[in-house]
Amino acid sequence: MHMLKILALDLLRIGCAVGGFLYLMLWLPVFIALFLCLFLEEVLDLTARVCCFLLDRGTRGCWLFDRVADWLEKRRKLK
């Protein structure tokens, strides 16, 4: 009887651990999406600034990030 009680408690602990892990995995994409929605403009702006700092301003990749930064700046002014 004592062994069954210990086995039941162990199974309960394992179930809670697995359930908690799955619960966190369920909410992780929600938090990532929320973060991206709230901070996407800042992340793009920071990426553009870092890219233009590291690369020459004449390269094509940096030109693309300049365009993104300009678009974000215009969008902020409209708000």
PDB file of N, CA and C in Angstrom:
ATOM      1  N   MET A   1       0.827  -1.197   0.000  1.00  0.00           N
ATOM      2  CA  MET A   1       0.000   0.000   0.000  1.00  0.00           C
ATOM      3  C   MET A   1       0.867   1.255   0.000  1.00  0.00           C
ATOM      4  N   HIS A   2       1.929   1.213   0.798  1.00  0.00           N
ATOM      5  CA  HIS A   2       2.827   2.362   0.871  1.00  0.00           C
ATOM      6  C   HIS A   2       3.513   2.611  -0.482  1.00  0.00           C
ATOM      7  N   MET A   3       3.877   1.508  -1.181  1.00  0.00           N
ATOM      8  CA  MET A   3       4.516   1.638  -2.498  1.00  0.00           C
ATOM      9  C   MET A   3       3.561   2.252  -3.511  1.00  0.00           C
ATOM     10  N   LEU A   4       2.290   1.891  -3.443  1.00  0.00           N
ATOM     11  CA  LEU A   4       1.308   2.457  -4.373  1.00  0.00           C
ATOM     12  C   LEU A   4       1.142   3.954  -4.151  1.00  0.00           C
ATOM     13  N   LYS A   5       1.179   4.356  -2.890  1.00  0.00           N
ATOM     14  CA  LYS A   5       1.060   5.783  -2.578  1.00  0.00           C
ATOM     15  C   LYS A   5       2.262   6.551  -3.124  1.00  0.00           C
ATOM     16  N   ILE A   6       3.462   6.004  -2.956  1.00  0.00           N
ATOM     17  CA  ILE A   6       4.671   6.644  -3.480  1.00  0.00           C
ATOM     18  C   ILE A   6       4.628   6.688  -5.004  1.00  0.00           C
ATOM     19  N   LEU A   7       4.193   5.590  -5.627  1.00  0.00           N
ATOM     20  CA  LEU A   7       4.092   5.545  -7.081  1.00  0.00           C
ATOM     21  C   LEU A   7       3.075   6.563  -7.590  1.00  0.00           C
ATOM     22  N   ALA A   8       1.954   6.683  -6.898  1.00  0.00           N
ATOM     23  CA  ALA A   8       0.935   7.654  -7.303  1.00  0.00           C
ATOM     24  C   ALA A   8       1.461   9.083  -7.181  1.00  0.00           C
ATOM     25  N   LEU A   9       2.183   9.378  -6.109  1.00  0.00           N
ATOM     26  CA  LEU A   9       2.760  10.714  -5.947  1.00  0.00           C
ATOM     27  C   LEU A   9       3.817  11.004  -7.013  1.00  0.00           C
ATOM     28  N   ASP A  10       4.631   9.992  -7.336  1.00  0.00           N
ATOM     29  CA  ASP A  10       5.626  10.177  -8.395  1.00  0.00           C
ATOM     30  C   ASP A  10       4.954  10.437  -9.737  1.00  0.00           C
ATOM     31  N   LEU A  11       3.908   9.694 -10.037  1.00  0.00           N
ATOM     32  CA  LEU A  11       3.179   9.913 -11.290  1.00  0.00           C
ATOM     33  C   LEU A  11       2.525  11.286 -11.315  1.00  0.00           C
ATOM     34  N   LEU A  12       2.029  11.722 -10.163  1.00  0.00           N
ATOM     35  CA  LEU A  12       1.430  13.052 -10.084  1.00  0.00           C
ATOM     36  C   LEU A  12       2.481  14.135 -10.329  1.00  0.00           C
ATOM     37  N   ARG A  13       3.665  13.965  -9.745  1.00  0.00           N
ATOM     38  CA  ARG A  13       4.746  14.935  -9.967  1.00  0.00           C
ATOM     39  C   ARG A  13       5.164  14.976 -11.433  1.00  0.00           C
ATOM     40  N   ILE A  14       5.308  13.797 -12.035  1.00  0.00           N
ATOM     41  CA  ILE A  14       5.687  13.741 -13.450  1.00  0.00           C
ATOM     42  C   ILE A  14       4.602  14.383 -14.309  1.00  0.00           C
ATOM     43  N   GLY A  15       3.349  14.087 -13.996  1.00  0.00           N
ATOM     44  CA  GLY A  15       2.242  14.682 -14.751  1.00  0.00           C
ATOM     45  C   GLY A  15       2.205  16.189 -14.614  1.00  0.00           C
ATOM     46  N   CYS A  16       2.454  16.688 -13.413  1.00  0.00           N
ATOM     47  CA  CYS A  16       2.469  18.141 -13.213  1.00  0.00           C
ATOM     48  C   CYS A  16       3.634  18.783 -13.954  1.00  0.00           C
ATOM     49  N   ALA A  17       4.787  18.124 -13.944  1.00  0.00           N
ATOM     50  CA  ALA A  17       5.949  18.671 -14.648  1.00  0.00           C
ATOM     51  C   ALA A  17       5.702  18.707 -16.154  1.00  0.00           C
ATOM     52  N   VAL A  18       5.187  17.623 -16.699  1.00  0.00           N
ATOM     53  CA  VAL A  18       4.906  17.575 -18.138  1.00  0.00           C
ATOM     54  C   VAL A  18       3.798  18.558 -18.493  1.00  0.00           C
ATOM     55  N   GLY A  19       2.760  18.608 -17.669  1.00  0.00           N
ATOM     56  CA  GLY A  19       1.661  19.540 -17.924  1.00  0.00           C
ATOM     57  C   GLY A  19       2.112  20.989 -17.854  1.00  0.00           C
ATOM     58  N   GLY A  20       2.944  21.315 -16.878  1.00  0.00           N
ATOM     59  CA  GLY A  20       3.467  22.675 -16.768  1.00  0.00           C
ATOM     60  C   GLY A  20       4.339  23.043 -17.955  1.00  0.00           C
ATOM     61  N   PHE A  21       5.162  22.098 -18.401  1.00  0.00           N
ATOM     62  CA  PHE A  21       6.006  22.344 -19.572  1.00  0.00           C
ATOM     63  C   PHE A  21       5.154  22.583 -20.812  1.00  0.00           C
ATOM     64  N   LEU A  22       4.137  21.751 -21.012  1.00  0.00           N
ATOM     65  CA  LEU A  22       3.259  21.929 -22.173  1.00  0.00           C
ATOM     66  C   LEU A  22       2.485  23.235 -22.085  1.00  0.00           C
ATOM     67  N   TYR A  23       2.088  23.621 -20.887  1.00  0.00           N
ATOM     68  CA  TYR A  23       1.377  24.887 -20.702  1.00  0.00           C
ATOM     69  C   TYR A  23       2.270  26.068 -21.089  1.00  0.00           C
ATOM     70  N   LEU A  24       3.546  26.014 -20.659  1.00  0.00           N
ATOM     71  CA  LEU A  24       4.484  27.077 -21.030  1.00  0.00           C
ATOM     72  C   LEU A  24       4.738  27.092 -22.532  1.00  0.00           C
ATOM     73  N   MET A  25       4.844  25.913 -23.147  1.00  0.00           N
ATOM     74  CA  MET A  25       5.061  25.847 -24.590  1.00  0.00           C
ATOM     75  C   MET A  25       3.851  26.381 -25.348  1.00  0.00           C
ATOM     76  N   LEU A  26       2.664  26.258 -24.768  1.00  0.00           N
ATOM     77  CA  LEU A  26       1.464  26.795 -25.394  1.00  0.00           C
ATOM     78  C   LEU A  26       1.488  28.317 -25.382  1.00  0.00           C
ATOM     79  N   TRP A  27       1.943  28.913 -24.288  1.00  0.00           N
ATOM     80  CA  TRP A  27       1.931  30.368 -24.159  1.00  0.00           C
ATOM     81  C   TRP A  27       3.151  31.044 -24.754  1.00  0.00           C
ATOM     82  N   LEU A  28       4.227  30.301 -24.993  1.00  0.00           N
ATOM     83  CA  LEU A  28       5.445  30.898 -25.535  1.00  0.00           C
ATOM     84  C   LEU A  28       5.217  31.594 -26.881  1.00  0.00           C
ATOM     85  N   PRO A  29       4.541  30.973 -27.859  1.00  0.00           N
ATOM     86  CA  PRO A  29       4.287  31.697 -29.118  1.00  0.00           C
ATOM     87  C   PRO A  29       3.430  32.942 -28.928  1.00  0.00           C
ATOM     88  N   VAL A  30       2.527  32.918 -27.959  1.00  0.00           N
ATOM     89  CA  VAL A  30       1.693  34.089 -27.694  1.00  0.00           C
ATOM     90  C   VAL A  30       2.563  35.241 -27.199  1.00  0.00           C
ATOM     91  N   PHE A  31       3.483  34.961 -26.284  1.00  0.00           N
ATOM     92  CA  PHE A  31       4.363  36.006 -25.776  1.00  0.00           C
ATOM     93  C   PHE A  31       5.315  36.514 -26.858  1.00  0.00           C
ATOM     94  N   ILE A  32       5.799  35.623 -27.712  1.00  0.00           N
ATOM     95  CA  ILE A  32       6.673  36.046 -28.809  1.00  0.00           C
ATOM     96  C   ILE A  32       5.909  36.948 -29.774  1.00  0.00           C
ATOM     97  N   ALA A  33       4.680  36.568 -30.119  1.00  0.00           N
ATOM     98  CA  ALA A  33       3.871  37.398 -31.021  1.00  0.00           C
ATOM     99  C   ALA A  33       3.570  38.750 -30.390  1.00  0.00           C
ATOM    100  N   LEU A  34       3.266  38.763 -29.101  1.00  0.00           N
ATOM    101  CA  LEU A  34       3.002  40.023 -28.410  1.00  0.00           C
ATOM    102  C   LEU A  34       4.240  40.913 -28.410  1.00  0.00           C
ATOM    103  N   PHE A  35       5.398  40.321 -28.147  1.00  0.00           N
ATOM    104  CA  PHE A  35       6.650  41.078 -28.171  1.00  0.00           C
ATOM    105  C   PHE A  35       6.896  41.671 -29.551  1.00  0.00           C
ATOM    106  N   LEU A  36       6.689  40.861 -30.599  1.00  0.00           N
ATOM    107  CA  LEU A  36       6.924  41.356 -31.953  1.00  0.00           C
ATOM    108  C   LEU A  36       5.952  42.465 -32.318  1.00  0.00           C
ATOM    109  N   CYS A  37       4.701  42.338 -31.899  1.00  0.00           N
ATOM    110  CA  CYS A  37       3.720  43.377 -32.214  1.00  0.00           C
ATOM    111  C   CYS A  37       4.053  44.684 -31.501  1.00  0.00           C
ATOM    112  N   LEU A  38       4.527  44.600 -30.281  1.00  0.00           N
ATOM    113  CA  LEU A  38       4.800  45.807 -29.512  1.00  0.00           C
ATOM    114  C   LEU A  38       6.127  46.462 -29.879  1.00  0.00           C
ATOM    115  N   PHE A  39       7.116  45.654 -30.207  1.00  0.00           N
ATOM    116  CA  PHE A  39       8.462  46.186 -30.375  1.00  0.00           C
ATOM    117  C   PHE A  39       9.041  45.988 -31.767  1.00  0.00           C
ATOM    118  N   LEU A  40       8.203  45.623 -32.748  1.00  0.00           N
ATOM    119  CA  LEU A  40       8.729  45.335 -34.083  1.00  0.00           C
ATOM    120  C   LEU A  40       9.364  46.566 -34.714  1.00  0.00           C
ATOM    121  N   GLU A  41       8.727  47.712 -34.561  1.00  0.00           N
ATOM    122  CA  GLU A  41       9.286  48.927 -35.152  1.00  0.00           C
ATOM    123  C   GLU A  41      10.648  49.253 -34.552  1.00  0.00           C
ATOM    124  N   GLU A  42      10.774  49.118 -33.241  1.00  0.00           N
ATOM    125  CA  GLU A  42      12.044  49.420 -32.596  1.00  0.00           C
ATOM    126  C   GLU A  42      13.121  48.421 -33.009  1.00  0.00           C
ATOM    127  N   VAL A  43      12.739  47.146 -33.153  1.00  0.00           N
ATOM    128  CA  VAL A  43      13.706  46.127 -33.560  1.00  0.00           C
ATOM    129  C   VAL A  43      14.187  46.398 -34.981  1.00  0.00           C
ATOM    130  N   LEU A  44      13.261  46.733 -35.890  1.00  0.00           N
ATOM    131  CA  LEU A  44      13.657  47.041 -37.265  1.00  0.00           C
ATOM    132  C   LEU A  44      14.536  48.282 -37.325  1.00  0.00           C
ATOM    133  N   ASP A  45      14.189  49.284 -36.549  1.00  0.00           N
ATOM    134  CA  ASP A  45      14.979  50.514 -36.536  1.00  0.00           C
ATOM    135  C   ASP A  45      16.384  50.249 -36.001  1.00  0.00           C
ATOM    136  N   LEU A  46      16.475  49.482 -34.922  1.00  0.00           N
ATOM    137  CA  LEU A  46      17.785  49.155 -34.357  1.00  0.00           C
ATOM    138  C   LEU A  46      18.604  48.330 -35.340  1.00  0.00           C
ATOM    139  N   THR A  47      17.957  47.379 -36.023  1.00  0.00           N
ATOM    140  CA  THR A  47      18.657  46.567 -37.016  1.00  0.00           C
ATOM    141  C   THR A  47      19.193  47.437 -38.141  1.00  0.00           C
ATOM    142  N   ALA A  48      18.385  48.389 -38.588  1.00  0.00           N
ATOM    143  CA  ALA A  48      18.834  49.288 -39.656  1.00  0.00           C
ATOM    144  C   ALA A  48      20.020  50.126 -39.203  1.00  0.00           C
ATOM    145  N   ARG A  49      19.970  50.632 -37.984  1.00  0.00           N
ATOM    146  CA  ARG A  49      21.079  51.456 -37.491  1.00  0.00           C
ATOM    147  C   ARG A  49      22.366  50.645 -37.348  1.00  0.00           C
ATOM    148  N   VAL A  50      22.250  49.423 -36.812  1.00  0.00           N
ATOM    149  CA  VAL A  50      23.437  48.575 -36.642  1.00  0.00           C
ATOM    150  C   VAL A  50      24.009  48.196 -37.995  1.00  0.00           C
ATOM    151  N   CYS A  51      23.129  47.850 -38.937  1.00  0.00           N
ATOM    152  CA  CYS A  51      23.593  47.468 -40.272  1.00  0.00           C
ATOM    153  C   CYS A  51      24.336  48.613 -40.937  1.00  0.00           C
ATOM    154  N   CYS A  52      23.780  49.805 -40.869  1.00  0.00           N
ATOM    155  CA  CYS A  52      24.414  50.949 -41.519  1.00  0.00           C
ATOM    156  C   CYS A  52      25.688  51.364 -40.799  1.00  0.00           C
ATOM    157  N   PHE A  53      25.793  51.056 -39.530  1.00  0.00           N
ATOM    158  CA  PHE A  53      27.029  51.343 -38.806  1.00  0.00           C
ATOM    159  C   PHE A  53      28.124  50.365 -39.219  1.00  0.00           C
ATOM    160  N   LEU A  54      27.750  49.084 -39.391  1.00  0.00           N
ATOM    161  CA  LEU A  54      28.743  48.055 -39.690  1.00  0.00           C
ATOM    162  C   LEU A  54      29.129  48.012 -41.163  1.00  0.00           C
ATOM    163  N   LEU A  55      28.196  48.327 -42.045  1.00  0.00           N
ATOM    164  CA  LEU A  55      28.458  48.256 -43.480  1.00  0.00           C
ATOM    165  C   LEU A  55      28.671  49.647 -44.054  1.00  0.00           C
ATOM    166  N   ASP A  56      29.267  49.678 -45.218  1.00  0.00           N
ATOM    167  CA  ASP A  56      29.367  50.958 -45.924  1.00  0.00           C
ATOM    168  C   ASP A  56      27.973  51.373 -46.361  1.00  0.00           C
ATOM    169  N   ARG A  57      27.726  52.664 -46.403  1.00  0.00           N
ATOM    170  CA  ARG A  57      26.395  53.144 -46.762  1.00  0.00           C
ATOM    171  C   ARG A  57      26.081  52.904 -48.233  1.00  0.00           C
ATOM    172  N   GLY A  58      27.071  52.579 -49.032  1.00  0.00           N
ATOM    173  CA  GLY A  58      26.817  52.369 -50.453  1.00  0.00           C
ATOM    174  C   GLY A  58      26.387  50.958 -50.809  1.00  0.00           C
ATOM    175  N   THR A  59      26.441  50.022 -49.878  1.00  0.00           N
ATOM    176  CA  THR A  59      26.078  48.650 -50.217  1.00  0.00           C
ATOM    177  C   THR A  59      24.577  48.501 -50.323  1.00  0.00           C
ATOM    178  N   ARG A  60      24.158  47.521 -51.092  1.00  0.00           N
ATOM    179  CA  ARG A  60      22.734  47.342 -51.357  1.00  0.00           C
ATOM    180  C   ARG A  60      21.967  46.949 -50.100  1.00  0.00           C
ATOM    181  N   GLY A  61      22.535  46.068 -49.275  1.00  0.00           N
ATOM    182  CA  GLY A  61      21.839  45.649 -48.065  1.00  0.00           C
ATOM    183  C   GLY A  61      21.572  46.812 -47.135  1.00  0.00           C
ATOM    184  N   CYS A  62      22.544  47.696 -47.011  1.00  0.00           N
ATOM    185  CA  CYS A  62      22.356  48.845 -46.145  1.00  0.00           C
ATOM    186  C   CYS A  62      21.321  49.799 -46.732  1.00  0.00           C
ATOM    187  N   TRP A  63      21.270  49.900 -48.046  1.00  0.00           N
ATOM    188  CA  TRP A  63      20.253  50.731 -48.698  1.00  0.00           C
ATOM    189  C   TRP A  63      18.863  50.223 -48.340  1.00  0.00           C
ATOM    190  N   LEU A  64      18.710  48.904 -48.326  1.00  0.00           N
ATOM    191  CA  LEU A  64      17.410  48.325 -47.974  1.00  0.00           C
ATOM    192  C   LEU A  64      17.042  48.682 -46.539  1.00  0.00           C
ATOM    193  N   PHE A  65      18.001  48.585 -45.621  1.00  0.00           N
ATOM    194  CA  PHE A  65      17.708  48.932 -44.236  1.00  0.00           C
ATOM    195  C   PHE A  65      17.459  50.427 -44.071  1.00  0.00           C
ATOM    196  N   ASP A  66      18.129  51.240 -44.897  1.00  0.00           N
ATOM    197  CA  ASP A  66      17.832  52.680 -44.887  1.00  0.00           C
ATOM    198  C   ASP A  66      16.385  52.936 -45.281  1.00  0.00           C
ATOM    199  N   ARG A  67      15.919  52.210 -46.269  1.00  0.00           N
ATOM    200  CA  ARG A  67      14.531  52.366 -46.710  1.00  0.00           C
ATOM    201  C   ARG A  67      13.557  51.972 -45.589  1.00  0.00           C
ATOM    202  N   VAL A  68      13.873  50.887 -44.891  1.00  0.00           N
ATOM    203  CA  VAL A  68      13.020  50.460 -43.774  1.00  0.00           C
ATOM    204  C   VAL A  68      13.028  51.521 -42.683  1.00  0.00           C
ATOM    205  N   ALA A  69      14.190  52.065 -42.369  1.00  0.00           N
ATOM    206  CA  ALA A  69      14.279  53.098 -41.335  1.00  0.00           C
ATOM    207  C   ALA A  69      13.510  54.349 -41.747  1.00  0.00           C
ATOM    208  N   ASP A  70      13.603  54.732 -43.021  1.00  0.00           N
ATOM    209  CA  ASP A  70      12.845  55.897 -43.501  1.00  0.00           C
ATOM    210  C   ASP A  70      11.346  55.653 -43.406  1.00  0.00           C
ATOM    211  N   TRP A  71      10.924  54.447 -43.775  1.00  0.00           N
ATOM    212  CA  TRP A  71       9.500  54.109 -43.704  1.00  0.00           C
ATOM    213  C   TRP A  71       8.999  54.175 -42.262  1.00  0.00           C
ATOM    214  N   LEU A  72       9.794  53.644 -41.327  1.00  0.00           N
ATOM    215  CA  LEU A  72       9.398  53.683 -39.919  1.00  0.00           C
ATOM    216  C   LEU A  72       9.341  55.113 -39.403  1.00  0.00           C
ATOM    217  N   GLU A  73      10.287  55.945 -39.834  1.00  0.00           N
ATOM    218  CA  GLU A  73      10.293  57.337 -39.386  1.00  0.00           C
ATOM    219  C   GLU A  73       9.067  58.087 -39.914  1.00  0.00           C
ATOM    220  N   LYS A  74       8.718  57.875 -41.167  1.00  0.00           N
ATOM    221  CA  LYS A  74       7.519  58.510 -41.732  1.00  0.00           C
ATOM    222  C   LYS A  74       6.268  58.034 -41.011  1.00  0.00           C
ATOM    223  N   ARG A  75       6.237  56.761 -40.688  1.00  0.00           N
ATOM    224  CA  ARG A  75       5.072  56.203 -39.994  1.00  0.00           C
ATOM    225  C   ARG A  75       4.924  56.803 -38.600  1.00  0.00           C
ATOM    226  N   ARG A  76       6.048  57.002 -37.910  1.00  0.00           N
ATOM    227  CA  ARG A  76       6.000  57.612 -36.576  1.00  0.00           C
ATOM    228  C   ARG A  76       5.513  59.054 -36.649  1.00  0.00           C
ATOM    229  N   LYS A  77       5.917  59.779 -37.688  1.00  0.00           N
ATOM    230  CA  LYS A  77       5.493  61.175 -37.825  1.00  0.00           C
ATOM    231  C   LYS A  77       3.999  61.283 -38.096  1.00  0.00           C
ATOM    232  N   LEU A  78       3.425  60.276 -38.754  1.00  0.00           N
ATOM    233  CA  LEU A  78       1.994  60.299 -39.053  1.00  0.00           C
ATOM    234  C   LEU A  78       1.143  60.041 -37.817  1.00  0.00           C
ATOM    235  N   LYS A  79       1.714  59.389 -36.816  1.00  0.00           N
ATOM    236  CA  LYS A  79       0.940  59.049 -35.611  1.00  0.00           C
ATOM    237  C   LYS A  79       0.654  60.231 -34.769  1.00  0.00           C
TER     238      LYS A  79
END
